[in-house]
Amino acid sequence: MSNEREFDVVIYGATGFTGKLVAEYFHAQYKDNNQVKWAIAGRNAEKLDDIKASLGISENVSTIVADGGDADALDALTKRTQVVLTTVGPYQLYGEPLLKACVDNGTGYTDLCGEPAWMHQMIGKYQTKAKETGANIVFSCGFDSVPFDLGVFYLQQHAHAKTGEPIDYVKGRVRKMQGTFSGGTAASLKATMAAAHKDKSIMSALINPYSLADMNNKAPQPDGTKPYYDEELGTWVAPFIMAAINTKNVHRTNFLNDYAYGDAFQYDEMMMTGPGEKGEAMAKHVANDKSLASDKGPKPGEGPSKEERENGFYDVLFVGQATNGDTLAVSVKGDKDPGYGSTCKMISESALCLCQDVTLPGGFYTPAAALGQNLIQRLEEKAGLTFTIESE
């Protein structure tokens, strides 16, 4: 993107729990970096000042007051920056005015959205305008869906280097994970289900694996909704709650990249729970766990302690059979709690990658389609992620 604007990145929602973590990351990583111009924004000037004081952020970092319902303020904000990084969800309740302002003003946009029905609606509503203005809109730049979207991308790169062909069926398997999903994730799920009960088109977008890609694609997809024993991997596997959004983003990446993974590409995500009776019991327990949709867990604006975030981690395997018959595998690992500690780093580097490393036509993108190898390099160098080829 061009660098003619006052700021590279404006962090919108900096007074929220996740937004504050993003501001803390920018301060720690880029406070002495003259190549990054950033600001924090939200609806309350006093709270923004409190965030700066509590984190020791320099007075040279600007604060911008803009209420999410004030179209004029959002218009002014988006004209000042190359990229807006927003943590204010659920996006289906609060996100459209800011997204529209970015589209209208040709401004880049990154968020943490895991709401496929809303994303489907926004693509349909604003794609043509984004192409006209040059706005680059990149959804899902946190734990959903960066490790998964880039993990498949990384495996397919490996397969192409080995055989010249993509893998037609990739399994995404969460091997280990310690940490919590964010309060925003839970709130988004509840808002999505409430909306789906009122609008059948929303339910259709949730059910269709291609709702963010080509809705007419009929390639059958694996059923990731039930636990089973995976003979190939020697472990029981259980449904993974984030698969509903991650799989759709992976299919959109394939669509945006002219079906680089093949027009009959298959992909599913599940959690590995181990072999034997213990693994079976755990898989069935995970399959029946509805806690994310309950009133338990963090609310938006709440989250785990710093110690809990620091002690979190995740390890995701991506595996498939290449056209020469070899089984190829890569892994993506993160060094912090997935929903908060790692997510704040991933969206920060996604915004900066969009701002500094790529030049794209206007439109709506996934992390892998927009940022690809550039983002992998940033995440490995700065954000505590590792991408590893596990089988040659």
Protein backbone atom coordinates (compact mmCIF):
# COMPACT_ATOMS: atom_id res chain seq x y z
CA MET A 1 0.00 0.00 0.00
CA SER A 2 1.06 3.62 -0.40
CA ASN A 3 2.51 5.55 2.54
CA GLU A 4 0.96 8.94 1.92
CA ARG A 5 -1.24 8.96 5.03
CA GLU A 6 -0.53 10.16 8.55
CA PHE A 7 -0.54 6.69 10.13
CA ASP A 8 0.38 3.19 9.05
CA VAL A 9 -2.03 1.53 11.48
CA VAL A 10 -4.78 2.79 13.77
CA ILE A 11 -5.81 0.35 16.52
CA TYR A 12 -9.58 0.73 16.89
CA GLY A 13 -11.01 -0.54 20.16
CA ALA A 14 -7.78 -0.02 22.10
CA THR A 15 -9.61 0.32 25.42
CA GLY A 16 -11.10 -3.20 25.21
CA PHE A 17 -9.33 -6.24 26.64
CA THR A 18 -7.89 -7.50 23.35
CA GLY A 19 -7.38 -4.01 21.96
CA LYS A 20 -5.25 -3.12 24.95
CA LEU A 21 -3.12 -6.22 24.36
CA VAL A 22 -2.64 -5.11 20.75
CA ALA A 23 -1.58 -1.64 21.89
CA GLU A 24 0.79 -3.22 24.40
CA TYR A 25 2.33 -5.33 21.62
CA PHE A 26 2.80 -2.33 19.32
CA HIS A 27 4.41 -0.41 22.19
CA ALA A 28 6.78 -3.26 23.05
CA GLN A 29 7.68 -4.13 19.48
CA TYR A 30 7.66 -0.79 17.68
CA LYS A 31 8.06 2.06 20.17
CA ASP A 32 11.64 2.67 19.00
CA ASN A 33 10.91 1.88 15.35
CA ASN A 34 10.67 5.01 13.25
CA GLN A 35 9.33 2.93 10.36
CA VAL A 36 5.95 2.34 12.03
CA LYS A 37 3.50 5.18 12.62
CA TRP A 38 0.57 4.08 14.74
CA ALA A 39 -2.26 5.47 16.82
CA ILE A 40 -4.97 4.19 19.14
CA ALA A 41 -8.67 4.91 18.73
CA GLY A 42 -11.95 4.38 20.52
CA ARG A 43 -15.04 6.19 21.67
CA ASN A 44 -13.79 7.52 25.02
CA ALA A 45 -10.88 9.98 25.18
CA GLU A 46 -10.32 9.53 28.91
CA LYS A 47 -10.06 5.75 28.61
CA LEU A 48 -7.65 6.09 25.70
CA ASP A 49 -5.45 8.36 27.78
CA ASP A 50 -5.62 5.87 30.66
CA ILE A 51 -4.43 3.07 28.34
CA LYS A 52 -1.44 5.16 27.25
CA ALA A 53 -0.58 5.99 30.85
CA SER A 54 -0.92 2.41 32.12
CA LEU A 55 1.26 1.01 29.33
CA GLY A 56 3.77 3.85 29.28
CA ILE A 57 2.98 4.66 25.67
CA SER A 58 4.66 7.80 24.39
CA GLU A 59 2.68 11.01 23.98
CA ASN A 60 3.90 10.92 20.40
CA VAL A 61 1.36 8.13 19.80
CA SER A 62 -1.87 9.88 18.87
CA THR A 63 -5.32 9.11 20.24
CA ILE A 64 -8.38 9.39 18.01
CA VAL A 65 -11.90 9.59 19.40
CA ALA A 66 -14.49 7.98 17.14
CA ASP A 67 -17.72 6.32 18.19
CA GLY A 68 -18.64 3.25 16.19
CA GLY A 69 -21.99 4.80 15.33
CA ASP A 70 -20.62 8.17 14.21
CA ALA A 71 -20.22 7.96 10.44
CA ASP A 72 -18.45 11.32 10.16
CA ALA A 73 -15.88 10.41 12.84
CA LEU A 74 -15.22 7.03 11.22
CA ASP A 75 -14.87 8.70 7.83
CA ALA A 76 -12.30 11.13 9.23
CA LEU A 77 -10.41 8.36 11.03
CA THR A 78 -10.15 6.09 7.99
CA LYS A 79 -8.85 8.93 5.81
CA ARG A 80 -5.85 9.38 8.14
CA THR A 81 -4.44 5.84 8.07
CA GLN A 82 -3.33 3.18 5.65
CA VAL A 83 -4.82 0.34 7.71
CA VAL A 84 -7.41 0.09 10.48
CA LEU A 85 -6.96 -2.78 12.94
CA THR A 86 -10.23 -3.35 14.76
CA THR A 87 -10.92 -5.58 17.75
CA VAL A 88 -14.48 -4.33 18.30
CA GLY A 89 -16.87 -7.26 17.97
CA PRO A 90 -19.19 -8.99 17.56
CA TYR A 91 -18.67 -7.52 14.14
CA GLN A 92 -22.19 -8.33 12.99
CA LEU A 93 -23.42 -5.96 15.72
CA TYR A 94 -20.77 -3.24 15.62
CA GLY A 95 -18.53 -3.72 12.60
CA GLU A 96 -20.26 -2.53 9.44
CA PRO A 97 -19.98 1.28 9.83
CA LEU A 98 -16.19 1.08 10.25
CA LEU A 99 -15.81 -1.44 7.44
CA LYS A 100 -17.93 0.76 5.15
CA ALA A 101 -15.77 3.79 5.96
CA CYS A 102 -12.65 1.81 5.07
CA VAL A 103 -14.18 0.68 1.79
CA ASP A 104 -15.36 4.20 0.93
CA ASN A 105 -11.91 5.68 1.57
CA GLY A 106 -9.71 2.97 0.08
CA THR A 107 -8.34 2.12 3.52
CA GLY A 108 -6.94 -1.27 4.52
CA TYR A 109 -8.78 -3.21 7.22
CA THR A 110 -7.93 -6.16 9.47
CA ASP A 111 -10.12 -7.72 12.14
CA LEU A 112 -10.61 -10.80 14.33
CA CYS A 113 -13.90 -11.82 12.75
CA GLY A 114 -15.03 -15.42 13.04
CA GLU A 115 -18.58 -14.71 11.86
CA PRO A 116 -18.94 -16.29 8.40
CA ALA A 117 -22.53 -15.23 7.77
CA TRP A 118 -21.69 -11.55 8.38
CA MET A 119 -18.53 -11.87 6.31
CA HIS A 120 -20.58 -13.38 3.47
CA GLN A 121 -22.99 -10.45 3.68
CA MET A 122 -20.22 -7.84 3.71
CA ILE A 123 -18.45 -9.37 0.71
CA GLY A 124 -21.70 -9.32 -1.25
CA LYS A 125 -22.49 -5.75 -0.21
CA TYR A 126 -19.10 -4.04 -0.56
CA GLN A 127 -16.87 -6.08 -2.87
CA THR A 128 -17.59 -3.98 -5.96
CA LYS A 129 -16.92 -0.71 -4.12
CA ALA A 130 -13.73 -2.08 -2.55
CA LYS A 131 -12.44 -2.93 -6.01
CA GLU A 132 -13.19 0.62 -7.14
CA THR A 133 -11.53 2.38 -4.18
CA GLY A 134 -8.64 -0.05 -3.75
CA ALA A 135 -9.60 -0.97 -0.16
CA ASN A 136 -8.01 -4.23 1.03
CA ILE A 137 -10.28 -5.93 3.57
CA VAL A 138 -8.73 -8.87 5.42
CA PHE A 139 -11.00 -10.73 7.81
CA SER A 140 -10.04 -13.28 10.49
CA CYS A 141 -6.52 -12.20 11.43
CA GLY A 142 -6.39 -13.89 14.86
CA PHE A 143 -6.40 -17.50 16.02
CA ASP A 144 -9.29 -17.82 13.66
CA SER A 145 -8.00 -18.15 11.05
CA VAL A 146 -4.30 -17.28 10.67
CA PRO A 147 -2.61 -20.52 11.88
CA PHE A 148 -5.04 -22.66 9.91
CA ASP A 149 -5.24 -20.65 6.70
CA LEU A 150 -1.46 -20.24 6.61
CA GLY A 151 -0.91 -23.84 7.71
CA VAL A 152 -2.75 -25.19 4.67
CA PHE A 153 -0.99 -22.63 2.46
CA TYR A 154 2.39 -23.74 3.85
CA LEU A 155 1.65 -27.44 3.31
CA GLN A 156 0.49 -26.83 -0.24
CA GLN A 157 3.66 -24.85 -0.96
CA HIS A 158 5.65 -27.83 0.32
CA ALA A 159 3.63 -30.25 -1.81
CA HIS A 160 4.07 -28.13 -4.91
CA ALA A 161 7.82 -27.93 -4.35
CA LYS A 162 7.99 -31.73 -4.01
CA THR A 163 5.63 -32.82 -6.78
CA GLY A 164 4.48 -29.77 -8.73
CA GLU A 165 0.90 -30.56 -7.68
CA PRO A 166 -1.33 -29.67 -4.72
CA ILE A 167 -2.69 -32.10 -2.13
CA ASP A 168 -6.37 -32.72 -2.78
CA TYR A 169 -7.33 -33.56 0.83
CA VAL A 170 -5.71 -31.85 3.80
CA LYS A 171 -6.41 -32.70 7.41
CA GLY A 172 -5.97 -29.91 9.97
CA ARG A 173 -5.48 -31.51 13.40
CA VAL A 174 -5.08 -29.64 16.67
CA ARG A 175 -2.52 -31.77 18.52
CA LYS A 176 -2.15 -29.65 21.65
CA MET A 177 -3.69 -26.45 22.93
CA GLN A 178 -3.66 -24.68 26.26
CA GLY A 179 -5.60 -21.49 26.69
CA THR A 180 -9.04 -20.01 26.32
CA PHE A 181 -11.16 -18.69 23.53
CA SER A 182 -11.86 -15.00 23.86
CA GLY A 183 -15.02 -13.52 25.27
CA GLY A 184 -15.49 -11.92 21.88
CA THR A 185 -15.46 -15.35 20.23
CA ALA A 186 -18.20 -16.58 22.55
CA ALA A 187 -20.24 -13.41 22.03
CA SER A 188 -19.86 -13.72 18.25
CA LEU A 189 -21.07 -17.33 18.32
CA LYS A 190 -24.13 -16.38 20.34
CA ALA A 191 -24.93 -13.41 18.11
CA THR A 192 -24.52 -15.59 15.00
CA MET A 193 -26.85 -18.29 16.27
CA ALA A 194 -29.45 -15.72 17.34
CA ALA A 195 -29.33 -14.14 13.89
CA ALA A 196 -29.51 -17.54 12.17
CA HIS A 197 -32.71 -18.43 14.00
CA LYS A 198 -34.29 -15.27 12.58
CA ASP A 199 -32.92 -15.45 9.03
CA LYS A 200 -32.69 -18.68 7.04
CA SER A 201 -30.15 -17.16 4.64
CA ILE A 202 -27.75 -16.77 7.56
CA MET A 203 -28.16 -20.44 8.45
CA SER A 204 -27.47 -21.33 4.82
CA ALA A 205 -24.23 -19.36 4.91
CA LEU A 206 -23.21 -21.14 8.10
CA ILE A 207 -23.89 -24.59 6.67
CA ASN A 208 -22.37 -24.12 3.20
CA PRO A 209 -18.60 -24.77 3.28
CA TYR A 210 -18.23 -22.45 0.28
CA SER A 211 -20.21 -19.49 1.61
CA LEU A 212 -17.09 -17.28 1.47
CA ALA A 213 -15.98 -18.66 -1.88
CA ASP A 214 -17.97 -19.97 -4.84
CA MET A 215 -21.41 -20.90 -3.50
CA ASN A 216 -21.95 -23.11 -6.55
CA ASN A 217 -19.00 -25.38 -5.76
CA LYS A 218 -20.36 -28.86 -5.05
CA ALA A 219 -17.16 -30.70 -4.14
CA PRO A 220 -18.13 -32.84 -1.13
CA GLN A 221 -16.40 -32.08 2.17
CA PRO A 222 -15.47 -34.46 5.02
CA ASP A 223 -17.82 -34.62 7.98
CA GLY A 224 -15.94 -33.06 10.88
CA THR A 225 -18.89 -33.05 13.26
CA LYS A 226 -18.47 -36.49 14.86
CA PRO A 227 -15.65 -38.16 16.78
CA TYR A 228 -13.93 -41.13 15.14
CA TYR A 229 -10.71 -43.14 15.23
CA ASP A 230 -8.31 -41.90 12.55
CA GLU A 231 -6.42 -44.98 11.39
CA GLU A 232 -3.89 -42.95 9.41
CA LEU A 233 -2.85 -40.85 12.41
CA GLY A 234 -3.43 -43.51 15.07
CA THR A 235 -5.60 -41.32 17.28
CA TRP A 236 -9.17 -40.47 18.13
CA VAL A 237 -10.29 -37.10 16.82
CA ALA A 238 -13.11 -34.81 17.90
CA PRO A 239 -14.90 -31.83 16.35
CA PHE A 240 -13.05 -28.52 16.62
CA ILE A 241 -15.23 -25.51 17.42
CA MET A 242 -13.32 -23.09 15.17
CA ALA A 243 -13.61 -25.35 12.10
CA ALA A 244 -16.87 -23.64 11.10
CA ILE A 245 -14.99 -20.44 10.26
CA ASN A 246 -11.50 -21.74 9.47
CA THR A 247 -12.62 -24.20 6.79
CA LYS A 248 -14.59 -21.49 5.01
CA ASN A 249 -11.59 -19.16 5.00
CA VAL A 250 -9.35 -21.92 3.62
CA HIS A 251 -11.81 -22.54 0.79
CA ARG A 252 -11.94 -18.79 0.11
CA THR A 253 -8.14 -18.71 -0.11
CA ASN A 254 -8.30 -21.50 -2.70
CA PHE A 255 -10.99 -19.59 -4.59
CA LEU A 256 -9.07 -16.29 -4.54
CA ASN A 257 -5.88 -18.03 -5.69
CA ASP A 258 -7.57 -19.47 -8.78
CA TYR A 259 -8.03 -22.89 -7.16
CA ALA A 260 -4.34 -23.42 -6.50
CA TYR A 261 -5.35 -26.30 -4.18
CA GLY A 262 -7.56 -27.86 -6.89
CA ASP A 263 -11.23 -27.37 -7.76
CA ALA A 264 -12.20 -30.50 -5.80
CA PHE A 265 -10.07 -29.67 -2.75
CA GLN A 266 -11.21 -31.13 0.56
CA TYR A 267 -10.35 -29.87 4.03
CA ASP A 268 -11.46 -30.54 7.58
CA GLU A 269 -10.29 -29.67 11.09
CA MET A 270 -10.49 -31.76 14.24
CA MET A 271 -8.82 -32.13 17.62
CA MET A 272 -6.56 -35.10 18.34
CA THR A 273 -7.49 -36.69 21.70
CA GLY A 274 -5.21 -39.73 21.72
CA PRO A 275 -5.46 -43.49 21.16
CA GLY A 276 -7.34 -46.14 23.12
CA GLU A 277 -10.28 -45.89 25.47
CA LYS A 278 -8.99 -42.70 27.07
CA GLY A 279 -8.74 -41.00 23.68
CA GLU A 280 -12.21 -42.20 22.76
CA ALA A 281 -13.72 -40.91 25.99
CA MET A 282 -12.03 -37.54 25.55
CA ALA A 283 -13.20 -37.27 21.93
CA LYS A 284 -16.79 -37.91 22.97
CA HIS A 285 -16.50 -35.43 25.82
CA VAL A 286 -15.20 -32.73 23.45
CA ALA A 287 -17.98 -33.49 20.96
CA ASN A 288 -20.61 -32.93 23.66
CA ASP A 289 -19.04 -29.80 25.15
CA LYS A 290 -21.33 -26.80 24.66
CA SER A 291 -19.59 -24.44 27.09
CA LEU A 292 -18.63 -21.88 24.45
CA ALA A 293 -22.31 -21.28 23.78
CA SER A 294 -23.15 -21.08 27.49
CA ASP A 295 -22.87 -18.19 29.92
CA LYS A 296 -19.63 -19.60 31.34
CA GLY A 297 -16.21 -18.26 30.44
CA PRO A 298 -15.04 -14.72 29.75
CA LYS A 299 -17.38 -11.98 28.61
CA PRO A 300 -16.35 -9.45 25.96
CA GLY A 301 -13.81 -7.17 27.60
CA GLU A 302 -12.65 -9.88 30.00
CA GLY A 303 -9.89 -12.43 29.69
CA PRO A 304 -7.20 -14.49 31.37
CA SER A 305 -4.37 -13.16 33.51
CA LYS A 306 -0.98 -12.34 32.02
CA GLU A 307 0.43 -15.53 33.56
CA GLU A 308 -2.29 -17.61 31.94
CA ARG A 309 -1.67 -15.93 28.59
CA GLU A 310 2.07 -16.46 28.86
CA ASN A 311 1.65 -20.16 29.74
CA GLY A 312 -0.68 -20.89 26.83
CA PHE A 313 0.32 -22.51 23.54
CA TYR A 314 -1.01 -24.42 20.54
CA ASP A 315 0.30 -26.99 18.07
CA VAL A 316 -1.59 -27.73 14.85
CA LEU A 317 -0.69 -30.47 12.35
CA PHE A 318 -1.54 -30.28 8.64
CA VAL A 319 -1.19 -33.54 6.76
CA GLY A 320 -2.13 -35.00 3.39
CA GLN A 321 -1.08 -37.42 0.67
CA ALA A 322 0.80 -35.92 -2.25
CA THR A 323 0.19 -37.02 -5.82
CA ASN A 324 3.31 -39.23 -5.70
CA GLY A 325 1.85 -41.18 -2.78
CA ASP A 326 4.03 -39.62 -0.08
CA THR A 327 2.41 -38.37 3.10
CA LEU A 328 3.47 -34.78 3.73
CA ALA A 329 3.04 -32.93 6.99
CA VAL A 330 3.75 -29.50 8.43
CA SER A 331 2.96 -27.93 11.78
CA VAL A 332 2.13 -24.47 13.06
CA LYS A 333 2.89 -23.72 16.70
CA GLY A 334 2.25 -20.65 18.82
CA ASP A 335 3.94 -19.69 22.07
CA LYS A 336 1.04 -17.97 23.87
CA ASP A 337 -2.61 -18.43 24.77
CA PRO A 338 -4.36 -18.72 21.38
CA GLY A 339 -7.37 -16.50 22.04
CA TYR A 340 -5.49 -13.54 23.49
CA GLY A 341 -1.69 -13.68 23.76
CA SER A 342 -1.05 -15.06 20.29
CA THR A 343 -4.04 -13.43 18.65
CA CYS A 344 -2.92 -9.91 19.57
CA LYS A 345 0.44 -10.56 17.91
CA MET A 346 -1.07 -12.14 14.81
CA ILE A 347 -3.48 -9.31 14.05
CA SER A 348 -0.76 -6.72 14.72
CA GLU A 349 1.63 -8.29 12.24
CA SER A 350 -1.19 -8.88 9.75
CA ALA A 351 -2.03 -5.16 9.78
CA LEU A 352 1.61 -4.17 9.35
CA CYS A 353 2.13 -6.77 6.63
CA LEU A 354 -0.87 -5.39 4.75
CA CYS A 355 0.49 -1.88 5.19
CA GLN A 356 4.16 -2.44 4.40
CA ASP A 357 4.76 -5.69 2.54
CA VAL A 358 2.12 -6.19 -0.16
CA THR A 359 0.36 -4.33 -2.95
CA LEU A 360 -3.04 -5.73 -3.84
CA PRO A 361 -6.07 -4.86 -5.96
CA GLY A 362 -9.03 -3.73 -3.88
CA GLY A 363 -11.25 -6.46 -2.50
CA PHE A 364 -11.98 -8.84 0.34
CA TYR A 365 -9.22 -11.27 1.28
CA THR A 366 -8.15 -14.01 3.64
CA PRO A 367 -4.81 -13.79 5.49
CA ALA A 368 -3.19 -16.41 3.24
CA ALA A 369 -4.52 -14.97 -0.01
CA ALA A 370 -3.51 -11.41 0.87
CA LEU A 371 -0.35 -11.86 2.91
CA GLY A 372 0.91 -15.42 2.41
CA GLN A 373 4.64 -15.96 2.80
CA ASN A 374 5.21 -12.36 3.87
CA LEU A 375 3.05 -12.91 6.94
CA ILE A 376 4.65 -16.28 7.72
CA GLN A 377 8.03 -14.56 7.80
CA ARG A 378 6.75 -11.81 10.09
CA LEU A 379 5.06 -14.25 12.46
CA GLU A 380 8.20 -16.35 12.78
CA GLU A 381 10.48 -13.36 13.28
CA LYS A 382 8.31 -11.35 15.67
CA ALA A 383 5.20 -13.13 16.92
CA GLY A 384 6.34 -16.45 18.38
CA LEU A 385 4.90 -18.73 15.70
CA THR A 386 6.88 -21.53 14.06
CA PHE A 387 6.12 -23.19 10.73
CA THR A 388 7.85 -26.56 10.44
CA ILE A 389 8.03 -29.22 7.72
CA GLU A 390 7.60 -32.49 9.65
CA SER A 391 7.83 -35.07 6.87
CA GLU A 392 9.75 -34.72 3.67
